[in-house]
Amino acid sequence: MKRIYFTFLVCLAILSGCSSTKFEAEHDFEVKAFEYTNHRNEQISLGSLNGTPWLAMFIYTRCSTVCPPMTSNMVDVHTAIEKEGIENYKIVGFSVDPAYDTPEVLSNYLSYYPIENETKWELLTGYEQTEMTQFALQSFNTVVKKLRGSEDVVHDIKYFLVDQNGTVVKSYDGYSQIPTEEIVNDLKSLLQQAKRKS
């Protein structure tokens, strides 16, 4: 009887372990094709990210309220991802103030943060304000709006997880209560699922 009970517990543990790696999408937003300039003055496109899951956020360098904490929190998430030994991922930040945020400005902004593997980061610019407003709405179902007569830009404070096929599958609080462990586990699950399919 004890042996049967022990076998049951082992099976339950195995099943629990399997189910914990199963990723369930909350969104199904197709990211529209783009080709923008990153903070290293390189061209980054949706195609160049194909096959790589990525975390997206909307920020701008003149923001003195939510953007510095969001960027700092993303650095913490990045550190956690690196500690897990995950290699295939990117962090993509779309500037919502592209007229001001040149590649040089974005590069300088990023230099203030303690990032060990900066090659994983792509801070993007090189488009019109109206284009980013449309892109954010069509690709991420979120609002980007420049306030008239002001430097301020209204934007979401979420992080978005985009899978290897360019589909937004989940979003998280990027400002106050960051679910770092959940983000890392979701990223691992996406990569494991892709590996099983290949």
N, C-alpha and C. Protein backbone atom coordinates (compact mmCIF):
# COMPACT_ATOMS: atom_id res chain seq x y z
N MET A 1 0.83 -1.21 0.00
CA MET A 1 0.00 0.00 0.00
C MET A 1 0.86 1.26 0.00
N LYS A 2 1.92 1.21 0.83
CA LYS A 2 2.82 2.35 0.89
C LYS A 2 3.49 2.58 -0.46
N ARG A 3 3.85 1.46 -1.13
CA ARG A 3 4.51 1.57 -2.43
C ARG A 3 3.57 2.21 -3.45
N ILE A 4 2.30 1.83 -3.42
CA ILE A 4 1.31 2.41 -4.34
C ILE A 4 1.16 3.91 -4.08
N TYR A 5 1.10 4.26 -2.80
CA TYR A 5 0.95 5.67 -2.42
C TYR A 5 2.17 6.48 -2.87
N PHE A 6 3.36 5.88 -2.68
CA PHE A 6 4.60 6.56 -3.09
C PHE A 6 4.62 6.76 -4.60
N THR A 7 4.22 5.71 -5.34
CA THR A 7 4.18 5.81 -6.81
C THR A 7 3.21 6.89 -7.26
N PHE A 8 2.08 6.98 -6.57
CA PHE A 8 1.09 8.01 -6.87
C PHE A 8 1.67 9.40 -6.68
N LEU A 9 2.39 9.59 -5.58
CA LEU A 9 3.00 10.90 -5.30
C LEU A 9 4.04 11.27 -6.35
N VAL A 10 4.84 10.28 -6.76
CA VAL A 10 5.84 10.53 -7.79
C VAL A 10 5.19 10.96 -9.09
N CYS A 11 4.14 10.23 -9.48
CA CYS A 11 3.41 10.56 -10.72
C CYS A 11 2.79 11.95 -10.64
N LEU A 12 2.24 12.27 -9.47
CA LEU A 12 1.63 13.58 -9.28
C LEU A 12 2.66 14.68 -9.40
N ALA A 13 3.84 14.44 -8.84
CA ALA A 13 4.92 15.42 -8.92
C ALA A 13 5.36 15.64 -10.36
N ILE A 14 5.44 14.52 -11.09
CA ILE A 14 5.84 14.61 -12.50
C ILE A 14 4.81 15.39 -13.30
N LEU A 15 3.55 15.09 -13.09
CA LEU A 15 2.48 15.78 -13.79
C LEU A 15 2.45 17.25 -13.44
N SER A 16 2.67 17.56 -12.17
CA SER A 16 2.69 18.96 -11.74
C SER A 16 3.82 19.70 -12.42
N GLY A 17 4.97 19.03 -12.49
CA GLY A 17 6.12 19.65 -13.15
C GLY A 17 5.84 19.93 -14.61
N CYS A 18 5.17 19.01 -15.27
CA CYS A 18 4.84 19.19 -16.69
C CYS A 18 3.87 20.34 -16.88
N SER A 19 2.86 20.40 -16.04
CA SER A 19 1.83 21.42 -16.21
C SER A 19 2.38 22.81 -15.91
N SER A 20 3.41 22.91 -15.05
CA SER A 20 3.94 24.22 -14.70
C SER A 20 4.70 24.86 -15.86
N THR A 21 5.15 24.03 -16.82
CA THR A 21 5.88 24.57 -17.95
C THR A 21 4.95 24.88 -19.13
N LYS A 22 3.69 24.56 -19.00
CA LYS A 22 2.75 24.82 -20.08
C LYS A 22 2.37 26.29 -20.10
N PHE A 23 2.61 26.93 -21.21
CA PHE A 23 2.31 28.35 -21.34
C PHE A 23 0.92 28.54 -21.93
N GLU A 24 0.14 29.41 -21.31
CA GLU A 24 -1.19 29.73 -21.82
C GLU A 24 -1.25 31.22 -22.17
N ALA A 25 -1.48 31.50 -23.43
CA ALA A 25 -1.53 32.88 -23.91
C ALA A 25 -2.77 33.60 -23.39
N GLU A 26 -2.61 34.88 -23.10
CA GLU A 26 -3.73 35.72 -22.70
C GLU A 26 -4.16 36.64 -23.84
N HIS A 27 -3.25 36.88 -24.78
CA HIS A 27 -3.55 37.75 -25.91
C HIS A 27 -3.22 37.02 -27.22
N ASP A 28 -3.68 37.60 -28.30
CA ASP A 28 -3.38 37.07 -29.63
C ASP A 28 -3.35 38.25 -30.60
N PHE A 29 -2.37 39.16 -30.38
CA PHE A 29 -2.24 40.36 -31.21
C PHE A 29 -1.05 40.17 -32.16
N GLU A 30 -1.31 40.26 -33.43
CA GLU A 30 -0.23 40.13 -34.41
C GLU A 30 0.51 41.45 -34.56
N VAL A 31 1.81 41.44 -34.30
CA VAL A 31 2.62 42.65 -34.45
C VAL A 31 2.78 42.96 -35.94
N LYS A 32 2.47 44.21 -36.31
CA LYS A 32 2.58 44.61 -37.70
C LYS A 32 4.05 44.76 -38.09
N ALA A 33 4.33 44.52 -39.36
CA ALA A 33 5.70 44.60 -39.85
C ALA A 33 6.27 45.99 -39.61
N PHE A 34 7.52 46.03 -39.19
CA PHE A 34 8.19 47.31 -38.95
C PHE A 34 9.68 47.18 -39.25
N GLU A 35 10.32 48.30 -39.46
CA GLU A 35 11.77 48.38 -39.58
C GLU A 35 12.20 49.74 -39.03
N TYR A 36 12.78 49.73 -37.84
CA TYR A 36 13.14 50.95 -37.14
C TYR A 36 14.64 50.94 -36.82
N THR A 37 15.12 52.06 -36.27
CA THR A 37 16.53 52.22 -35.94
C THR A 37 16.73 52.08 -34.44
N ASN A 38 17.72 51.26 -34.05
CA ASN A 38 17.95 51.07 -32.62
C ASN A 38 18.97 52.08 -32.08
N HIS A 39 19.26 51.97 -30.78
CA HIS A 39 20.14 52.93 -30.12
C HIS A 39 21.60 52.76 -30.54
N ARG A 40 21.90 51.71 -31.30
CA ARG A 40 23.24 51.53 -31.85
C ARG A 40 23.28 51.94 -33.33
N ASN A 41 22.20 52.58 -33.76
CA ASN A 41 22.07 53.06 -35.15
C ASN A 41 22.05 51.92 -36.15
N GLU A 42 21.43 50.80 -35.75
CA GLU A 42 21.26 49.64 -36.61
C GLU A 42 19.78 49.47 -36.94
N GLN A 43 19.50 48.85 -38.06
CA GLN A 43 18.12 48.61 -38.45
C GLN A 43 17.61 47.32 -37.80
N ILE A 44 16.48 47.42 -37.13
CA ILE A 44 15.84 46.28 -36.50
C ILE A 44 14.43 46.16 -37.08
N SER A 45 14.07 44.96 -37.51
CA SER A 45 12.76 44.75 -38.10
C SER A 45 12.06 43.60 -37.40
N LEU A 46 10.78 43.47 -37.69
CA LEU A 46 10.03 42.32 -37.17
C LEU A 46 10.65 41.03 -37.70
N GLY A 47 11.09 41.07 -38.96
CA GLY A 47 11.72 39.91 -39.57
C GLY A 47 13.02 39.51 -38.88
N SER A 48 13.80 40.50 -38.46
CA SER A 48 15.07 40.19 -37.80
C SER A 48 14.87 39.58 -36.42
N LEU A 49 13.67 39.77 -35.85
CA LEU A 49 13.34 39.19 -34.55
C LEU A 49 12.65 37.83 -34.67
N ASN A 50 12.39 37.42 -35.91
CA ASN A 50 11.69 36.15 -36.12
C ASN A 50 12.47 34.98 -35.52
N GLY A 51 11.77 34.13 -34.78
CA GLY A 51 12.41 32.99 -34.13
C GLY A 51 12.89 33.30 -32.73
N THR A 52 12.75 34.56 -32.31
CA THR A 52 13.20 34.98 -30.98
C THR A 52 12.04 35.60 -30.21
N PRO A 53 11.72 35.10 -29.03
CA PRO A 53 10.71 35.77 -28.20
C PRO A 53 11.28 37.06 -27.63
N TRP A 54 10.43 38.06 -27.44
CA TRP A 54 10.93 39.33 -26.93
C TRP A 54 9.93 40.02 -26.02
N LEU A 55 10.49 40.81 -25.11
CA LEU A 55 9.70 41.62 -24.21
C LEU A 55 9.68 43.05 -24.74
N ALA A 56 8.50 43.62 -24.87
CA ALA A 56 8.36 44.97 -25.41
C ALA A 56 7.85 45.92 -24.34
N MET A 57 8.24 47.19 -24.46
CA MET A 57 7.71 48.24 -23.61
C MET A 57 7.74 49.56 -24.38
N PHE A 58 6.94 50.50 -23.90
CA PHE A 58 6.87 51.82 -24.52
C PHE A 58 7.40 52.85 -23.51
N ILE A 59 8.43 53.58 -23.91
CA ILE A 59 9.08 54.53 -23.01
C ILE A 59 9.53 55.76 -23.79
N TYR A 60 10.01 56.78 -23.10
CA TYR A 60 10.72 57.89 -23.75
C TYR A 60 11.64 58.56 -22.74
N THR A 61 12.72 59.13 -23.24
CA THR A 61 13.79 59.59 -22.35
C THR A 61 13.45 60.85 -21.58
N ARG A 62 12.56 61.69 -22.10
CA ARG A 62 12.20 62.91 -21.37
C ARG A 62 11.15 62.66 -20.29
N CYS A 63 10.68 61.43 -20.19
CA CYS A 63 9.70 61.05 -19.17
C CYS A 63 10.38 61.03 -17.81
N SER A 64 9.80 61.73 -16.85
CA SER A 64 10.37 61.80 -15.50
C SER A 64 9.51 61.08 -14.47
N THR A 65 8.49 60.38 -14.94
CA THR A 65 7.56 59.73 -14.00
C THR A 65 7.68 58.20 -14.09
N VAL A 66 6.99 57.58 -15.02
CA VAL A 66 6.91 56.11 -15.04
C VAL A 66 8.06 55.44 -15.80
N CYS A 67 8.68 56.13 -16.74
CA CYS A 67 9.68 55.47 -17.59
C CYS A 67 10.96 55.04 -16.87
N PRO A 68 11.54 55.89 -16.02
CA PRO A 68 12.73 55.41 -15.29
C PRO A 68 12.47 54.17 -14.44
N PRO A 69 11.37 54.11 -13.67
CA PRO A 69 11.09 52.86 -12.95
C PRO A 69 10.84 51.68 -13.88
N MET A 70 10.13 51.91 -14.98
CA MET A 70 9.88 50.82 -15.92
C MET A 70 11.18 50.26 -16.50
N THR A 71 12.09 51.16 -16.85
CA THR A 71 13.37 50.71 -17.40
C THR A 71 14.19 50.00 -16.34
N SER A 72 14.21 50.55 -15.14
CA SER A 72 14.95 49.92 -14.03
C SER A 72 14.38 48.54 -13.71
N ASN A 73 13.06 48.43 -13.71
CA ASN A 73 12.42 47.14 -13.45
C ASN A 73 12.75 46.13 -14.55
N MET A 74 12.83 46.62 -15.79
CA MET A 74 13.17 45.73 -16.89
C MET A 74 14.61 45.24 -16.78
N VAL A 75 15.49 46.10 -16.25
CA VAL A 75 16.87 45.67 -16.00
C VAL A 75 16.88 44.51 -15.00
N ASP A 76 16.03 44.60 -13.98
CA ASP A 76 15.93 43.51 -13.00
C ASP A 76 15.41 42.23 -13.65
N VAL A 77 14.41 42.37 -14.53
CA VAL A 77 13.89 41.20 -15.25
C VAL A 77 14.99 40.61 -16.13
N HIS A 78 15.71 41.48 -16.81
CA HIS A 78 16.81 41.04 -17.66
C HIS A 78 17.85 40.26 -16.86
N THR A 79 18.20 40.76 -15.68
CA THR A 79 19.16 40.08 -14.81
C THR A 79 18.67 38.69 -14.44
N ALA A 80 17.37 38.59 -14.12
CA ALA A 80 16.78 37.30 -13.76
C ALA A 80 16.81 36.33 -14.95
N ILE A 81 16.56 36.84 -16.15
CA ILE A 81 16.60 36.00 -17.35
C ILE A 81 18.02 35.47 -17.57
N GLU A 82 18.99 36.35 -17.41
CA GLU A 82 20.38 35.96 -17.60
C GLU A 82 20.81 34.91 -16.58
N LYS A 83 20.35 35.06 -15.34
CA LYS A 83 20.70 34.11 -14.28
C LYS A 83 20.16 32.71 -14.58
N GLU A 84 19.06 32.65 -15.32
CA GLU A 84 18.48 31.36 -15.70
C GLU A 84 19.22 30.73 -16.88
N GLY A 85 20.15 31.45 -17.45
CA GLY A 85 20.91 30.92 -18.57
C GLY A 85 20.17 30.95 -19.90
N ILE A 86 19.10 31.72 -19.97
CA ILE A 86 18.33 31.84 -21.22
C ILE A 86 19.11 32.72 -22.19
N GLU A 87 19.25 32.27 -23.42
CA GLU A 87 20.05 33.00 -24.40
C GLU A 87 19.22 33.60 -25.54
N ASN A 88 18.15 32.91 -25.92
CA ASN A 88 17.38 33.34 -27.09
C ASN A 88 16.22 34.24 -26.67
N TYR A 89 16.47 35.54 -26.58
CA TYR A 89 15.43 36.51 -26.23
C TYR A 89 15.94 37.91 -26.56
N LYS A 90 15.04 38.87 -26.60
CA LYS A 90 15.37 40.27 -26.79
C LYS A 90 14.48 41.13 -25.90
N ILE A 91 14.94 42.32 -25.61
CA ILE A 91 14.15 43.33 -24.92
C ILE A 91 14.05 44.52 -25.86
N VAL A 92 12.84 44.88 -26.23
CA VAL A 92 12.61 45.92 -27.23
C VAL A 92 11.83 47.08 -26.61
N GLY A 93 12.42 48.26 -26.65
CA GLY A 93 11.74 49.44 -26.15
C GLY A 93 11.42 50.38 -27.30
N PHE A 94 10.14 50.68 -27.48
CA PHE A 94 9.71 51.60 -28.53
C PHE A 94 9.62 53.01 -27.95
N SER A 95 10.38 53.94 -28.48
CA SER A 95 10.27 55.32 -28.02
C SER A 95 8.94 55.90 -28.49
N VAL A 96 8.24 56.55 -27.58
CA VAL A 96 6.98 57.21 -27.94
C VAL A 96 7.21 58.70 -28.17
N ASP A 97 8.48 59.10 -28.21
CA ASP A 97 8.88 60.49 -28.46
C ASP A 97 10.02 60.49 -29.49
N PRO A 98 9.76 59.95 -30.69
CA PRO A 98 10.85 59.70 -31.65
C PRO A 98 11.53 60.95 -32.17
N ALA A 99 10.86 62.09 -32.20
CA ALA A 99 11.48 63.31 -32.69
C ALA A 99 12.64 63.74 -31.80
N TYR A 100 12.52 63.50 -30.51
CA TYR A 100 13.58 63.85 -29.56
C TYR A 100 14.54 62.68 -29.34
N ASP A 101 14.00 61.48 -29.27
CA ASP A 101 14.81 60.30 -28.95
C ASP A 101 15.56 59.77 -30.16
N THR A 102 16.68 60.40 -30.47
CA THR A 102 17.56 59.91 -31.53
C THR A 102 18.31 58.68 -31.01
N PRO A 103 18.96 57.93 -31.89
CA PRO A 103 19.77 56.80 -31.41
C PRO A 103 20.78 57.21 -30.34
N GLU A 104 21.39 58.38 -30.52
CA GLU A 104 22.39 58.85 -29.56
C GLU A 104 21.76 59.13 -28.20
N VAL A 105 20.59 59.76 -28.20
CA VAL A 105 19.89 60.06 -26.96
C VAL A 105 19.48 58.77 -26.25
N LEU A 106 18.98 57.80 -27.02
CA LEU A 106 18.57 56.52 -26.43
C LEU A 106 19.77 55.76 -25.88
N SER A 107 20.89 55.80 -26.60
CA SER A 107 22.10 55.13 -26.13
C SER A 107 22.59 55.74 -24.82
N ASN A 108 22.56 57.05 -24.74
CA ASN A 108 22.97 57.74 -23.52
C ASN A 108 22.03 57.40 -22.37
N TYR A 109 20.74 57.35 -22.65
CA TYR A 109 19.73 57.00 -21.64
C TYR A 109 20.01 55.61 -21.07
N LEU A 110 20.29 54.66 -21.95
CA LEU A 110 20.51 53.28 -21.51
C LEU A 110 21.80 53.14 -20.72
N SER A 111 22.76 54.01 -20.97
CA SER A 111 24.06 53.91 -20.30
C SER A 111 23.98 54.17 -18.80
N TYR A 112 22.90 54.78 -18.35
CA TYR A 112 22.73 55.07 -16.92
C TYR A 112 22.27 53.85 -16.12
N TYR A 113 21.93 52.77 -16.83
CA TYR A 113 21.42 51.58 -16.15
C TYR A 113 22.48 50.47 -16.14
N PRO A 114 22.54 49.71 -15.04
CA PRO A 114 23.57 48.66 -14.90
C PRO A 114 23.21 47.40 -15.69
N ILE A 115 23.42 47.45 -16.98
CA ILE A 115 23.08 46.33 -17.86
C ILE A 115 24.35 45.58 -18.25
N GLU A 116 24.38 44.30 -17.95
CA GLU A 116 25.57 43.50 -18.25
C GLU A 116 25.64 43.07 -19.71
N ASN A 117 24.51 42.62 -20.25
CA ASN A 117 24.49 42.11 -21.63
C ASN A 117 23.62 43.05 -22.47
N GLU A 118 24.19 44.18 -22.82
CA GLU A 118 23.43 45.24 -23.49
C GLU A 118 23.00 44.86 -24.90
N THR A 119 23.63 43.82 -25.48
CA THR A 119 23.28 43.41 -26.84
C THR A 119 21.86 42.84 -26.91
N LYS A 120 21.29 42.48 -25.77
CA LYS A 120 19.92 41.96 -25.76
C LYS A 120 18.88 43.08 -25.86
N TRP A 121 19.32 44.32 -25.72
CA TRP A 121 18.40 45.46 -25.71
C TRP A 121 18.35 46.13 -27.07
N GLU A 122 17.13 46.52 -27.48
CA GLU A 122 16.92 47.27 -28.71
C GLU A 122 15.96 48.43 -28.38
N LEU A 123 16.50 49.62 -28.18
CA LEU A 123 15.64 50.80 -27.99
C LEU A 123 15.45 51.43 -29.37
N LEU A 124 14.19 51.53 -29.81
CA LEU A 124 13.90 51.86 -31.20
C LEU A 124 13.35 53.27 -31.38
N THR A 125 13.72 53.85 -32.52
CA THR A 125 13.24 55.17 -32.94
C THR A 125 13.30 55.21 -34.46
N GLY A 126 13.16 56.43 -35.04
CA GLY A 126 13.26 56.54 -36.50
C GLY A 126 11.95 56.44 -37.22
N TYR A 127 10.88 56.97 -36.62
CA TYR A 127 9.55 56.96 -37.22
C TYR A 127 8.82 58.22 -36.77
N GLU A 128 7.69 58.48 -37.39
CA GLU A 128 6.89 59.64 -37.02
C GLU A 128 6.05 59.33 -35.79
N GLN A 129 5.69 60.37 -35.07
CA GLN A 129 4.87 60.21 -33.87
C GLN A 129 3.54 59.51 -34.19
N THR A 130 2.92 59.93 -35.28
CA THR A 130 1.62 59.35 -35.67
C THR A 130 1.76 57.87 -36.02
N GLU A 131 2.91 57.51 -36.58
CA GLU A 131 3.13 56.11 -36.93
C GLU A 131 3.19 55.24 -35.68
N MET A 132 3.85 55.75 -34.64
CA MET A 132 3.94 54.96 -33.41
C MET A 132 2.57 54.86 -32.73
N THR A 133 1.78 55.91 -32.82
CA THR A 133 0.43 55.87 -32.26
C THR A 133 -0.38 54.75 -32.92
N GLN A 134 -0.30 54.68 -34.24
CA GLN A 134 -1.03 53.64 -34.98
C GLN A 134 -0.45 52.26 -34.72
N PHE A 135 0.88 52.17 -34.69
CA PHE A 135 1.55 50.90 -34.49
C PHE A 135 1.21 50.31 -33.13
N ALA A 136 1.24 51.13 -32.09
CA ALA A 136 0.94 50.66 -30.73
C ALA A 136 -0.49 50.14 -30.64
N LEU A 137 -1.42 50.85 -31.28
CA LEU A 137 -2.82 50.46 -31.23
C LEU A 137 -3.06 49.18 -32.03
N GLN A 138 -2.51 49.12 -33.23
CA GLN A 138 -2.76 47.98 -34.12
C GLN A 138 -2.01 46.71 -33.69
N SER A 139 -0.82 46.87 -33.10
CA SER A 139 0.01 45.72 -32.77
C SER A 139 -0.13 45.27 -31.32
N PHE A 140 -0.33 46.23 -30.41
CA PHE A 140 -0.35 45.91 -28.98
C PHE A 140 -1.66 46.26 -28.30
N ASN A 141 -2.60 46.79 -29.09
CA ASN A 141 -3.90 47.17 -28.54
C ASN A 141 -3.74 48.14 -27.37
N THR A 142 -2.83 49.09 -27.53
CA THR A 142 -2.55 50.04 -26.46
C THR A 142 -2.44 51.46 -27.02
N VAL A 143 -2.57 52.43 -26.13
CA VAL A 143 -2.63 53.84 -26.53
C VAL A 143 -1.27 54.52 -26.38
N VAL A 144 -0.87 55.24 -27.41
CA VAL A 144 0.25 56.17 -27.35
C VAL A 144 -0.26 57.50 -27.88
N LYS A 145 -0.24 58.54 -27.04
CA LYS A 145 -0.81 59.83 -27.46
C LYS A 145 0.04 60.97 -26.94
N LYS A 146 0.56 61.77 -27.86
CA LYS A 146 1.32 62.97 -27.49
C LYS A 146 0.34 64.05 -27.08
N LEU A 147 0.57 64.65 -25.90
CA LEU A 147 -0.32 65.70 -25.41
C LEU A 147 0.00 67.02 -26.11
N ARG A 148 -1.01 67.68 -26.60
CA ARG A 148 -0.83 68.91 -27.36
C ARG A 148 -0.21 70.01 -26.48
N GLY A 149 0.81 70.65 -27.02
CA GLY A 149 1.45 71.75 -26.29
C GLY A 149 2.31 71.30 -25.12
N SER A 150 2.71 70.02 -25.12
CA SER A 150 3.47 69.47 -24.00
C SER A 150 4.50 68.47 -24.51
N GLU A 151 5.54 68.22 -23.70
CA GLU A 151 6.51 67.18 -24.02
C GLU A 151 6.00 65.81 -23.58
N ASP A 152 4.92 65.79 -22.81
CA ASP A 152 4.43 64.54 -22.25
C ASP A 152 3.73 63.67 -23.29
N VAL A 153 3.92 62.38 -23.14
CA VAL A 153 3.26 61.40 -24.02
C VAL A 153 2.57 60.36 -23.14
N VAL A 154 1.30 60.15 -23.40
CA VAL A 154 0.55 59.12 -22.68
C VAL A 154 0.87 57.76 -23.30
N HIS A 155 1.22 56.79 -22.46
CA HIS A 155 1.53 55.45 -22.95
C HIS A 155 1.30 54.43 -21.85
N ASP A 156 1.26 53.17 -22.25
CA ASP A 156 1.00 52.07 -21.32
C ASP A 156 2.23 51.80 -20.45
N ILE A 157 1.98 51.29 -19.25
CA ILE A 157 3.09 50.94 -18.34
C ILE A 157 3.25 49.42 -18.24
N LYS A 158 2.74 48.72 -19.23
CA LYS A 158 2.86 47.27 -19.25
C LYS A 158 4.10 46.83 -20.02
N TYR A 159 4.56 45.62 -19.68
CA TYR A 159 5.49 44.88 -20.52
C TYR A 159 4.66 43.89 -21.34
N PHE A 160 5.06 43.68 -22.58
CA PHE A 160 4.36 42.75 -23.46
C PHE A 160 5.30 41.63 -23.87
N LEU A 161 4.83 40.39 -23.78
CA LEU A 161 5.61 39.25 -24.23
C LEU A 161 5.17 38.89 -25.65
N VAL A 162 6.14 38.91 -26.56
CA VAL A 162 5.89 38.58 -27.96
C VAL A 162 6.58 37.26 -28.27
N ASP A 163 5.85 36.33 -28.86
CA ASP A 163 6.44 35.01 -29.12
C ASP A 163 7.32 35.01 -30.37
N GLN A 164 7.86 33.83 -30.70
CA GLN A 164 8.81 33.70 -31.80
C GLN A 164 8.21 34.02 -33.16
N ASN A 165 6.88 34.03 -33.23
CA ASN A 165 6.20 34.29 -34.50
C ASN A 165 5.69 35.73 -34.63
N GLY A 166 6.04 36.57 -33.65
CA GLY A 166 5.64 37.96 -33.71
C GLY A 166 4.21 38.20 -33.24
N THR A 167 3.74 37.38 -32.31
CA THR A 167 2.40 37.55 -31.75
C THR A 167 2.50 37.92 -30.28
N VAL A 168 1.78 38.99 -29.90
CA VAL A 168 1.73 39.38 -28.49
C VAL A 168 0.85 38.38 -27.76
N VAL A 169 1.43 37.69 -26.78
CA VAL A 169 0.71 36.60 -26.12
C VAL A 169 0.38 36.90 -24.65
N LYS A 170 1.05 37.90 -24.06
CA LYS A 170 0.80 38.17 -22.65
C LYS A 170 1.30 39.56 -22.29
N SER A 171 0.76 40.13 -21.21
CA SER A 171 1.24 41.42 -20.73
C SER A 171 1.33 41.40 -19.21
N TYR A 172 2.19 42.28 -18.68
CA TYR A 172 2.46 42.30 -17.24
C TYR A 172 2.60 43.75 -16.77
N ASP A 173 2.39 43.96 -15.49
CA ASP A 173 2.64 45.26 -14.88
C ASP A 173 4.14 45.54 -14.97
N GLY A 174 4.49 46.68 -15.55
CA GLY A 174 5.90 47.02 -15.67
C GLY A 174 6.33 48.15 -14.76
N TYR A 175 5.43 48.58 -13.88
CA TYR A 175 5.72 49.76 -13.07
C TYR A 175 5.86 49.50 -11.57
N SER A 176 4.86 48.82 -10.98
CA SER A 176 4.87 48.73 -9.51
C SER A 176 5.06 47.31 -8.98
N GLN A 177 4.26 46.37 -9.45
CA GLN A 177 4.35 45.00 -8.96
C GLN A 177 4.77 44.08 -10.11
N ILE A 178 6.07 43.96 -10.26
CA ILE A 178 6.62 43.25 -11.43
C ILE A 178 6.66 41.75 -11.16
N PRO A 179 5.96 40.94 -11.93
CA PRO A 179 5.97 39.49 -11.72
C PRO A 179 7.19 38.85 -12.39
N THR A 180 8.37 39.17 -11.87
CA THR A 180 9.62 38.76 -12.52
C THR A 180 9.69 37.25 -12.74
N GLU A 181 9.37 36.49 -11.71
CA GLU A 181 9.45 35.02 -11.82
C GLU A 181 8.49 34.51 -12.88
N GLU A 182 7.30 35.08 -12.93
CA GLU A 182 6.31 34.67 -13.93
C GLU A 182 6.80 34.97 -15.34
N ILE A 183 7.39 36.14 -15.52
CA ILE A 183 7.91 36.52 -16.84
C ILE A 183 9.00 35.54 -17.28
N VAL A 184 9.93 35.24 -16.38
CA VAL A 184 11.03 34.32 -16.71
C VAL A 184 10.48 32.94 -17.04
N ASN A 185 9.53 32.46 -16.24
CA ASN A 185 8.94 31.14 -16.49
C ASN A 185 8.18 31.10 -17.81
N ASP A 186 7.46 32.18 -18.12
CA ASP A 186 6.73 32.24 -19.39
C ASP A 186 7.69 32.21 -20.57
N LEU A 187 8.78 32.93 -20.44
CA LEU A 187 9.78 32.95 -21.50
C LEU A 187 10.40 31.57 -21.69
N LYS A 188 10.71 30.91 -20.60
CA LYS A 188 11.25 29.55 -20.67
C LYS A 188 10.25 28.60 -21.31
N SER A 189 8.98 28.74 -20.96
CA SER A 189 7.94 27.86 -21.50
C SER A 189 7.79 28.04 -23.01
N LEU A 190 7.83 29.30 -23.47
CA LEU A 190 7.75 29.56 -24.91
C LEU A 190 8.90 28.88 -25.64
N LEU A 191 10.09 29.00 -25.09
CA LEU A 191 11.26 28.40 -25.73
C LEU A 191 11.18 26.87 -25.71
N GLN A 192 10.69 26.31 -24.61
CA GLN A 192 10.54 24.84 -24.51
C GLN A 192 9.51 24.33 -25.50
N GLN A 193 8.40 25.05 -25.63
CA GLN A 193 7.37 24.64 -26.58
C GLN A 193 7.89 24.68 -28.01
N ALA A 194 8.64 25.72 -28.32
CA ALA A 194 9.20 25.85 -29.67
C ALA A 194 10.19 24.73 -29.95
N LYS A 195 10.95 24.36 -28.93
CA LYS A 195 11.94 23.27 -29.07
C LYS A 195 11.26 21.94 -29.33
N ARG A 196 10.13 21.71 -28.63
CA ARG A 196 9.39 20.45 -28.81
C ARG A 196 8.78 20.35 -30.19
N LYS A 197 8.39 21.51 -30.76
CA LYS A 197 7.75 21.52 -32.09
C LYS A 197 8.76 21.34 -33.21
N SER A 198 10.02 21.73 -32.94
CA SER A 198 11.03 21.69 -33.99
C SER A 198 11.57 20.27 -34.21
